[in-house]
Full PDB file with SEQRES, HELIX, SHEET, SSBOND, CRYST1, ORIGX, SCALE, CONECT and MASTER records, all heavy atoms in Angstrom:
SEQRES   1 A   32  PHE LYS HIS THR VAL SER GLU GLU GLY ASN VAL SER ARG          
SEQRES   2 A   32  HIS VAL GLU ILE VAL ILE MET ASP ASP SER GLY LYS ARG          
SEQRES   3 A   32  THR MET VAL ASP GLY TYR                                      
SHEET    1 AA1 2 VAL A  15  ASP A  21  0                                        
SHEET    2 AA1 2 GLY A  24  GLY A  31 -1                                        
CRYST1    1.000    1.000    1.000  90.00  90.00  90.00 P 1           1          
ORIGX1      1.000000  0.000000  0.000000        0.00000                         
ORIGX2      0.000000  1.000000  0.000000        0.00000                         
ORIGX3      0.000000  0.000000  1.000000        0.00000                         
SCALE1      1.000000  0.000000  0.000000        0.00000                         
SCALE2      0.000000  1.000000  0.000000        0.00000                         
SCALE3      0.000000  0.000000  1.000000        0.00000                         
ATOM      1  N   PHE A   1      -0.302  11.725  -0.494  1.00  0.00           N  
ATOM      2  CA  PHE A   1      -0.563  10.620  -1.402  1.00  0.00           C  
ATOM      3  C   PHE A   1      -1.734   9.800  -0.921  1.00  0.00           C  
ATOM      4  O   PHE A   1      -1.829   9.469   0.274  1.00  0.00           O  
ATOM      5  CB  PHE A   1       0.672   9.723  -1.534  1.00  0.00           C  
ATOM      6  CG  PHE A   1       0.481   8.543  -2.434  1.00  0.00           C  
ATOM      7  CD1 PHE A   1       0.567   8.654  -3.809  1.00  0.00           C  
ATOM      8  CD2 PHE A   1       0.167   7.301  -1.888  1.00  0.00           C  
ATOM      9  CE1 PHE A   1       0.371   7.566  -4.634  1.00  0.00           C  
ATOM     10  CE2 PHE A   1      -0.041   6.192  -2.711  1.00  0.00           C  
ATOM     11  CZ  PHE A   1       0.072   6.337  -4.085  1.00  0.00           C  
ATOM     12  N   LYS A   2      -2.639   9.467  -1.845  1.00  0.00           N  
ATOM     13  CA  LYS A   2      -3.776   8.608  -1.518  1.00  0.00           C  
ATOM     14  C   LYS A   2      -3.818   7.441  -2.528  1.00  0.00           C  
ATOM     15  O   LYS A   2      -3.509   7.621  -3.705  1.00  0.00           O  
ATOM     16  CB  LYS A   2      -5.100   9.374  -1.589  1.00  0.00           C  
ATOM     17  CG  LYS A   2      -5.228  10.476  -0.560  1.00  0.00           C  
ATOM     18  CD  LYS A   2      -6.582  11.185  -0.694  1.00  0.00           C  
ATOM     19  CE  LYS A   2      -6.718  12.301   0.327  1.00  0.00           C  
ATOM     20  NZ  LYS A   2      -8.013  12.998   0.217  1.00  0.00           N  
ATOM     21  N   HIS A   3      -4.212   6.292  -2.026  1.00  0.00           N  
ATOM     22  CA  HIS A   3      -4.391   5.130  -2.901  1.00  0.00           C  
ATOM     23  C   HIS A   3      -5.752   4.515  -2.646  1.00  0.00           C  
ATOM     24  O   HIS A   3      -6.126   4.262  -1.486  1.00  0.00           O  
ATOM     25  CB  HIS A   3      -3.293   4.072  -2.650  1.00  0.00           C  
ATOM     26  CG  HIS A   3      -3.569   2.769  -3.358  1.00  0.00           C  
ATOM     27  ND1 HIS A   3      -3.607   2.660  -4.723  1.00  0.00           N  
ATOM     28  CD2 HIS A   3      -3.840   1.521  -2.859  1.00  0.00           C  
ATOM     29  CE1 HIS A   3      -3.868   1.403  -5.054  1.00  0.00           C  
ATOM     30  NE2 HIS A   3      -4.020   0.703  -3.939  1.00  0.00           N  
ATOM     31  N   THR A   4      -6.516   4.294  -3.703  1.00  0.00           N  
ATOM     32  CA  THR A   4      -7.810   3.632  -3.599  1.00  0.00           C  
ATOM     33  C   THR A   4      -7.646   2.161  -3.975  1.00  0.00           C  
ATOM     34  O   THR A   4      -7.213   1.840  -5.085  1.00  0.00           O  
ATOM     35  CB  THR A   4      -8.852   4.276  -4.535  1.00  0.00           C  
ATOM     36  OG1 THR A   4      -8.977   5.662  -4.186  1.00  0.00           O  
ATOM     37  CG2 THR A   4     -10.210   3.604  -4.392  1.00  0.00           C  
ATOM     38  N   VAL A   5      -7.973   1.293  -3.036  1.00  0.00           N  
ATOM     39  CA  VAL A   5      -7.839  -0.146  -3.260  1.00  0.00           C  
ATOM     40  C   VAL A   5      -8.764  -0.573  -4.401  1.00  0.00           C  
ATOM     41  O   VAL A   5      -9.894  -0.076  -4.533  1.00  0.00           O  
ATOM     42  CB  VAL A   5      -8.185  -0.925  -1.977  1.00  0.00           C  
ATOM     43  CG1 VAL A   5      -8.024  -2.426  -2.199  1.00  0.00           C  
ATOM     44  CG2 VAL A   5      -7.285  -0.456  -0.832  1.00  0.00           C  
ATOM     45  N   SER A   6      -8.271  -1.478  -5.248  1.00  0.00           N  
ATOM     46  CA  SER A   6      -9.063  -1.939  -6.389  1.00  0.00           C  
ATOM     47  C   SER A   6     -10.443  -2.405  -5.935  1.00  0.00           C  
ATOM     48  O   SER A   6     -10.580  -3.037  -4.891  1.00  0.00           O  
ATOM     49  CB  SER A   6      -8.336  -3.100  -7.080  1.00  0.00           C  
ATOM     50  OG  SER A   6      -7.055  -2.679  -7.558  1.00  0.00           O  
ATOM     51  N   GLU A   7     -11.459  -2.097  -6.722  1.00  0.00           N  
ATOM     52  CA  GLU A   7     -12.848  -2.293  -6.289  1.00  0.00           C  
ATOM     53  C   GLU A   7     -13.462  -3.601  -6.771  1.00  0.00           C  
ATOM     54  O   GLU A   7     -14.618  -3.861  -6.475  1.00  0.00           O  
ATOM     55  CB  GLU A   7     -13.702  -1.115  -6.789  1.00  0.00           C  
ATOM     56  CG  GLU A   7     -13.283   0.215  -6.199  1.00  0.00           C  
ATOM     57  CD  GLU A   7     -14.209   1.351  -6.573  1.00  0.00           C  
ATOM     58  OE1 GLU A   7     -15.186   1.073  -7.285  1.00  0.00           O  
ATOM     59  OE2 GLU A   7     -13.945   2.482  -6.159  1.00  0.00           O  
ATOM     60  N   GLU A   8     -12.714  -4.425  -7.496  1.00  0.00           N  
ATOM     61  CA  GLU A   8     -13.302  -5.693  -7.972  1.00  0.00           C  
ATOM     62  C   GLU A   8     -13.585  -6.620  -6.800  1.00  0.00           C  
ATOM     63  O   GLU A   8     -12.764  -6.788  -5.896  1.00  0.00           O  
ATOM     64  CB  GLU A   8     -12.364  -6.391  -8.960  1.00  0.00           C  
ATOM     65  CG  GLU A   8     -12.192  -5.625 -10.276  1.00  0.00           C  
ATOM     66  CD  GLU A   8     -11.110  -4.562 -10.196  1.00  0.00           C  
ATOM     67  OE1 GLU A   8     -10.515  -4.408  -9.112  1.00  0.00           O  
ATOM     68  OE2 GLU A   8     -10.887  -3.871 -11.202  1.00  0.00           O  
ATOM     69  N   GLY A   9     -14.754  -7.242  -6.805  1.00  0.00           N  
ATOM     70  CA  GLY A   9     -15.101  -8.226  -5.791  1.00  0.00           C  
ATOM     71  C   GLY A   9     -15.468  -7.594  -4.477  1.00  0.00           C  
ATOM     72  O   GLY A   9     -15.613  -6.373  -4.340  1.00  0.00           O  
ATOM     73  N   ASN A  10     -15.632  -8.443  -3.449  1.00  0.00           N  
ATOM     74  CA  ASN A  10     -15.997  -7.940  -2.126  1.00  0.00           C  
ATOM     75  C   ASN A  10     -15.105  -8.519  -1.029  1.00  0.00           C  
ATOM     76  O   ASN A  10     -15.455  -8.493   0.132  1.00  0.00           O  
ATOM     77  CB  ASN A  10     -17.474  -8.270  -1.806  1.00  0.00           C  
ATOM     78  CG  ASN A  10     -17.715  -9.777  -1.760  1.00  0.00           C  
ATOM     79  OD1 ASN A  10     -16.840 -10.556  -2.120  1.00  0.00           O  
ATOM     80  ND2 ASN A  10     -18.891 -10.167  -1.328  1.00  0.00           N  
ATOM     81  N   VAL A  11     -13.929  -9.046  -1.448  1.00  0.00           N  
ATOM     82  CA  VAL A  11     -12.964  -9.606  -0.497  1.00  0.00           C  
ATOM     83  C   VAL A  11     -11.778  -8.665  -0.371  1.00  0.00           C  
ATOM     84  O   VAL A  11     -11.311  -8.102  -1.356  1.00  0.00           O  
ATOM     85  CB  VAL A  11     -12.498 -11.002  -0.981  1.00  0.00           C  
ATOM     86  CG1 VAL A  11     -11.463 -11.582  -0.031  1.00  0.00           C  
ATOM     87  CG2 VAL A  11     -13.683 -11.949  -1.113  1.00  0.00           C  
ATOM     88  N   SER A  12     -11.312  -8.471   0.843  1.00  0.00           N  
ATOM     89  CA  SER A  12     -10.229  -7.530   1.092  1.00  0.00           C  
ATOM     90  C   SER A  12      -8.940  -7.982   0.385  1.00  0.00           C  
ATOM     91  O   SER A  12      -8.733  -9.152   0.097  1.00  0.00           O  
ATOM     92  CB  SER A  12      -9.974  -7.385   2.587  1.00  0.00           C  
ATOM     93  OG  SER A  12      -9.618  -8.620   3.155  1.00  0.00           O  
ATOM     94  N   ARG A  13      -8.088  -6.997   0.126  1.00  0.00           N  
ATOM     95  CA  ARG A  13      -6.834  -7.250  -0.562  1.00  0.00           C  
ATOM     96  C   ARG A  13      -5.660  -6.882   0.347  1.00  0.00           C  
ATOM     97  O   ARG A  13      -5.750  -5.941   1.154  1.00  0.00           O  
ATOM     98  CB  ARG A  13      -6.761  -6.415  -1.838  1.00  0.00           C  
ATOM     99  CG  ARG A  13      -7.797  -6.789  -2.871  1.00  0.00           C  
ATOM    100  CD  ARG A  13      -7.837  -5.800  -4.021  1.00  0.00           C  
ATOM    101  NE  ARG A  13      -8.808  -6.200  -5.031  1.00  0.00           N  
ATOM    102  CZ  ARG A  13      -8.495  -6.922  -6.108  1.00  0.00           C  
ATOM    103  NH1 ARG A  13      -7.239  -7.288  -6.300  1.00  0.00           N  
ATOM    104  NH2 ARG A  13      -9.420  -7.256  -6.981  1.00  0.00           N  
ATOM    105  N   HIS A  14      -4.568  -7.629   0.182  1.00  0.00           N  
ATOM    106  CA  HIS A  14      -3.345  -7.302   0.937  1.00  0.00           C  
ATOM    107  C   HIS A  14      -2.644  -6.177   0.201  1.00  0.00           C  
ATOM    108  O   HIS A  14      -2.241  -6.311  -0.953  1.00  0.00           O  
ATOM    109  CB  HIS A  14      -2.439  -8.521   1.030  1.00  0.00           C  
ATOM    110  CG  HIS A  14      -1.157  -8.235   1.777  1.00  0.00           C  
ATOM    111  ND1 HIS A  14       0.074  -8.498   1.269  1.00  0.00           N  
ATOM    112  CD2 HIS A  14      -0.955  -7.669   3.003  1.00  0.00           C  
ATOM    113  CE1 HIS A  14       1.002  -8.131   2.136  1.00  0.00           C  
ATOM    114  NE2 HIS A  14       0.385  -7.616   3.192  1.00  0.00           N  
ATOM    115  N   VAL A  15      -2.518  -5.038   0.876  1.00  0.00           N  
ATOM    116  CA  VAL A  15      -1.935  -3.839   0.284  1.00  0.00           C  
ATOM    117  C   VAL A  15      -0.600  -3.536   0.962  1.00  0.00           C  
ATOM    118  O   VAL A  15      -0.500  -3.544   2.200  1.00  0.00           O  
ATOM    119  CB  VAL A  15      -2.869  -2.630   0.419  1.00  0.00           C  
ATOM    120  CG1 VAL A  15      -2.226  -1.386  -0.199  1.00  0.00           C  
ATOM    121  CG2 VAL A  15      -4.215  -2.919  -0.242  1.00  0.00           C  
ATOM    122  N   GLU A  16       0.404  -3.290   0.145  1.00  0.00           N  
ATOM    123  CA  GLU A  16       1.730  -2.903   0.649  1.00  0.00           C  
ATOM    124  C   GLU A  16       2.161  -1.651  -0.095  1.00  0.00           C  
ATOM    125  O   GLU A  16       2.139  -1.629  -1.332  1.00  0.00           O  
ATOM    126  CB  GLU A  16       2.729  -4.032   0.443  1.00  0.00           C  
ATOM    127  CG  GLU A  16       4.091  -3.772   1.053  1.00  0.00           C  
ATOM    128  CD  GLU A  16       5.032  -4.941   0.871  1.00  0.00           C  
ATOM    129  OE1 GLU A  16       4.665  -5.905   0.167  1.00  0.00           O  
ATOM    130  OE2 GLU A  16       6.154  -4.883   1.401  1.00  0.00           O  
ATOM    131  N   ILE A  17       2.531  -0.608   0.629  1.00  0.00           N  
ATOM    132  CA  ILE A  17       3.006   0.624   0.015  1.00  0.00           C  
ATOM    133  C   ILE A  17       4.415   0.890   0.517  1.00  0.00           C  
ATOM    134  O   ILE A  17       4.657   1.027   1.717  1.00  0.00           O  
ATOM    135  CB  ILE A  17       2.091   1.814   0.356  1.00  0.00           C  
ATOM    136  CG1 ILE A  17       0.664   1.548  -0.165  1.00  0.00           C  
ATOM    137  CG2 ILE A  17       2.630   3.101  -0.259  1.00  0.00           C  
ATOM    138  CD1 ILE A  17      -0.325   2.664   0.105  1.00  0.00           C  
ATOM    139  N   VAL A  18       5.346   0.933  -0.448  1.00  0.00           N  
ATOM    140  CA  VAL A  18       6.769   1.113  -0.138  1.00  0.00           C  
ATOM    141  C   VAL A  18       7.204   2.502  -0.601  1.00  0.00           C  
ATOM    142  O   VAL A  18       6.841   2.934  -1.714  1.00  0.00           O  
ATOM    143  CB  VAL A  18       7.604   0.035  -0.840  1.00  0.00           C  
ATOM    144  CG1 VAL A  18       9.090   0.265  -0.584  1.00  0.00           C  
ATOM    145  CG2 VAL A  18       7.185  -1.350  -0.345  1.00  0.00           C  
ATOM    146  N   ILE A  19       7.960   3.195   0.251  1.00  0.00           N  
ATOM    147  CA  ILE A  19       8.457   4.520  -0.074  1.00  0.00           C  
ATOM    148  C   ILE A  19       9.983   4.463  -0.127  1.00  0.00           C  
ATOM    149  O   ILE A  19      10.631   3.905   0.766  1.00  0.00           O  
ATOM    150  CB  ILE A  19       8.004   5.565   0.972  1.00  0.00           C  
ATOM    151  CG1 ILE A  19       6.502   5.744   0.903  1.00  0.00           C  
ATOM    152  CG2 ILE A  19       8.731   6.905   0.742  1.00  0.00           C  
ATOM    153  CD1 ILE A  19       5.949   6.695   1.933  1.00  0.00           C  
ATOM    154  N   MET A  20      10.558   5.061  -1.168  1.00  0.00           N  
ATOM    155  CA  MET A  20      12.013   5.192  -1.287  1.00  0.00           C  
ATOM    156  C   MET A  20      12.340   6.668  -1.542  1.00  0.00           C  
ATOM    157  O   MET A  20      11.802   7.274  -2.459  1.00  0.00           O  
ATOM    158  CB  MET A  20      12.534   4.326  -2.442  1.00  0.00           C  
ATOM    159  CG  MET A  20      12.460   2.841  -2.159  1.00  0.00           C  
ATOM    160  SD  MET A  20      13.165   1.800  -3.474  1.00  0.00           S  
ATOM    161  CE  MET A  20      11.833   1.902  -4.659  1.00  0.00           C  
ATOM    162  N   ASP A  21      13.178   7.245  -0.665  1.00  0.00           N  
ATOM    163  CA  ASP A  21      13.584   8.633  -0.814  1.00  0.00           C  
ATOM    164  C   ASP A  21      15.037   8.759  -0.337  1.00  0.00           C  
ATOM    165  O   ASP A  21      15.744   7.757  -0.188  1.00  0.00           O  
ATOM    166  CB  ASP A  21      12.653   9.574  -0.036  1.00  0.00           C  
ATOM    167  CG  ASP A  21      12.656   9.323   1.456  1.00  0.00           C  
ATOM    168  OD1 ASP A  21      13.402   8.411   1.898  1.00  0.00           O  
ATOM    169  OD2 ASP A  21      11.938  10.003   2.186  1.00  0.00           O  
ATOM    170  N   ASP A  22      15.485   9.991  -0.097  1.00  0.00           N  
ATOM    171  CA  ASP A  22      16.881  10.193   0.301  1.00  0.00           C  
ATOM    172  C   ASP A  22      17.204   9.609   1.655  1.00  0.00           C  
ATOM    173  O   ASP A  22      18.385   9.413   1.996  1.00  0.00           O  
ATOM    174  CB  ASP A  22      17.209  11.703   0.314  1.00  0.00           C  
ATOM    175  CG  ASP A  22      17.217  12.305  -1.086  1.00  0.00           C  
ATOM    176  OD1 ASP A  22      17.122  11.519  -2.055  1.00  0.00           O  
ATOM    177  OD2 ASP A  22      17.341  13.537  -1.212  1.00  0.00           O  
ATOM    178  N   SER A  23      16.173   9.282   2.462  1.00  0.00           N  
ATOM    179  CA  SER A  23      16.429   8.691   3.783  1.00  0.00           C  
ATOM    180  C   SER A  23      16.427   7.173   3.720  1.00  0.00           C  
ATOM    181  O   SER A  23      16.663   6.516   4.737  1.00  0.00           O  
ATOM    182  CB  SER A  23      15.363   9.170   4.772  1.00  0.00           C  
ATOM    183  OG  SER A  23      14.092   8.643   4.435  1.00  0.00           O  
ATOM    184  N   GLY A  24      16.130   6.590   2.562  1.00  0.00           N  
ATOM    185  CA  GLY A  24      16.166   5.135   2.427  1.00  0.00           C  
ATOM    186  C   GLY A  24      14.841   4.561   1.990  1.00  0.00           C  
ATOM    187  O   GLY A  24      13.936   5.264   1.526  1.00  0.00           O  
ATOM    188  N   LYS A  25      14.723   3.246   2.143  1.00  0.00           N  
ATOM    189  CA  LYS A  25      13.533   2.525   1.731  1.00  0.00           C  
ATOM    190  C   LYS A  25      12.781   2.041   2.962  1.00  0.00           C  
ATOM    191  O   LYS A  25      13.393   1.532   3.907  1.00  0.00           O  
ATOM    192  CB  LYS A  25      13.921   1.307   0.864  1.00  0.00           C  
ATOM    193  CG  LYS A  25      12.768   0.434   0.427  1.00  0.00           C  
ATOM    194  CD  LYS A  25      13.273  -0.747  -0.412  1.00  0.00           C  
ATOM    195  CE  LYS A  25      12.157  -1.681  -0.790  1.00  0.00           C  
ATOM    196  NZ  LYS A  25      12.657  -2.843  -1.607  1.00  0.00           N  
ATOM    197  N   ARG A  26      11.462   2.201   2.978  1.00  0.00           N  
ATOM    198  CA  ARG A  26      10.655   1.753   4.112  1.00  0.00           C  
ATOM    199  C   ARG A  26       9.249   1.410   3.646  1.00  0.00           C  
ATOM    200  O   ARG A  26       8.716   2.005   2.714  1.00  0.00           O  
ATOM    201  CB  ARG A  26      10.631   2.803   5.226  1.00  0.00           C  
ATOM    202  CG  ARG A  26      10.154   4.174   4.787  1.00  0.00           C  
ATOM    203  CD  ARG A  26      10.594   5.225   5.795  1.00  0.00           C  
ATOM    204  NE  ARG A  26      10.069   6.549   5.524  1.00  0.00           N  
ATOM    205  CZ  ARG A  26      10.622   7.402   4.674  1.00  0.00           C  
ATOM    206  NH1 ARG A  26      11.707   7.051   3.975  1.00  0.00           N  
ATOM    207  NH2 ARG A  26      10.081   8.590   4.498  1.00  0.00           N  
ATOM    208  N   THR A  27       8.661   0.441   4.334  1.00  0.00           N  
ATOM    209  CA  THR A  27       7.284   0.023   4.051  1.00  0.00           C  
ATOM    210  C   THR A  27       6.357   0.766   5.013  1.00  0.00           C  
ATOM    211  O   THR A  27       6.465   0.617   6.226  1.00  0.00           O  
ATOM    212  CB  THR A  27       7.112  -1.495   4.238  1.00  0.00           C  
ATOM    213  OG1 THR A  27       7.975  -2.165   3.306  1.00  0.00           O  
ATOM    214  CG2 THR A  27       5.670  -1.908   3.968  1.00  0.00           C  
ATOM    215  N   MET A  28       5.441   1.568   4.464  1.00  0.00           N  
ATOM    216  CA  MET A  28       4.564   2.391   5.290  1.00  0.00           C  
ATOM    217  C   MET A  28       3.180   1.779   5.488  1.00  0.00           C  
ATOM    218  O   MET A  28       2.487   2.102   6.442  1.00  0.00           O  
ATOM    219  CB  MET A  28       4.416   3.796   4.674  1.00  0.00           C  
ATOM    220  CG  MET A  28       5.750   4.521   4.509  1.00  0.00           C  
ATOM    221  SD  MET A  28       6.769   4.556   6.006  1.00  0.00           S  
ATOM    222  CE  MET A  28       5.684   5.303   7.179  1.00  0.00           C  
ATOM    223  N   VAL A  29       2.761   0.925   4.579  1.00  0.00           N  
ATOM    224  CA  VAL A  29       1.460   0.251   4.708  1.00  0.00           C  
ATOM    225  C   VAL A  29       1.681  -1.211   4.410  1.00  0.00           C  
ATOM    226  O   VAL A  29       2.311  -1.575   3.419  1.00  0.00           O  
ATOM    227  CB  VAL A  29       0.421   0.842   3.725  1.00  0.00           C  
ATOM    228  CG1 VAL A  29      -0.870   0.028   3.735  1.00  0.00           C  
ATOM    229  CG2 VAL A  29       0.125   2.292   4.078  1.00  0.00           C  
ATOM    230  N   ASP A  30       1.154  -2.070   5.282  1.00  0.00           N  
ATOM    231  CA  ASP A  30       1.262  -3.523   5.092  1.00  0.00           C  
ATOM    232  C   ASP A  30       0.098  -4.176   5.811  1.00  0.00           C  
ATOM    233  O   ASP A  30       0.195  -4.506   6.988  1.00  0.00           O  
ATOM    234  CB  ASP A  30       2.602  -4.030   5.614  1.00  0.00           C  
ATOM    235  CG  ASP A  30       2.807  -5.519   5.286  1.00  0.00           C  
ATOM    236  OD1 ASP A  30       1.955  -6.096   4.609  1.00  0.00           O  
ATOM    237  OD2 ASP A  30       3.818  -6.085   5.755  1.00  0.00           O  
ATOM    238  N   GLY A  31      -1.035  -4.314   5.132  1.00  0.00           N  
ATOM    239  CA  GLY A  31      -2.212  -4.888   5.776  1.00  0.00           C  
ATOM    240  C   GLY A  31      -3.294  -5.158   4.750  1.00  0.00           C  
ATOM    241  O   GLY A  31      -3.124  -4.957   3.548  1.00  0.00           O  
ATOM    242  N   TYR A  32      -4.439  -5.622   5.239  1.00  0.00           N  
ATOM    243  CA  TYR A  32      -5.585  -5.955   4.374  1.00  0.00           C  
ATOM    244  C   TYR A  32      -6.594  -4.813   4.411  1.00  0.00           C  
ATOM    245  O   TYR A  32      -6.864  -4.246   5.478  1.00  0.00           O  
ATOM    246  CB  TYR A  32      -6.227  -7.253   4.857  1.00  0.00           C  
ATOM    247  CG  TYR A  32      -5.392  -8.466   4.513  1.00  0.00           C  
ATOM    248  CD1 TYR A  32      -4.374  -8.893   5.357  1.00  0.00           C  
ATOM    249  CD2 TYR A  32      -5.608  -9.165   3.335  1.00  0.00           C  
ATOM    250  CE1 TYR A  32      -3.585 -10.003   5.039  1.00  0.00           C  
ATOM    251  CE2 TYR A  32      -4.848 -10.270   2.996  1.00  0.00           C  
ATOM    252  CZ  TYR A  32      -3.829 -10.675   3.863  1.00  0.00           C  
ATOM    253  OH  TYR A  32      -3.062 -11.764   3.541  1.00  0.00           O  
TER     254      TYR A  32                                                      
MASTER        0    0    0    0    2    0    0    6  253    1    0    3          
END                                                                             
């Protein structure tokens, strides 16, 4: 899986990617 951060503006964005599967819920990305 790949995610391209929105390209509007020139200021970084806080990105959080959460995964839920048979092993449970976990946050894999949490940063700017």
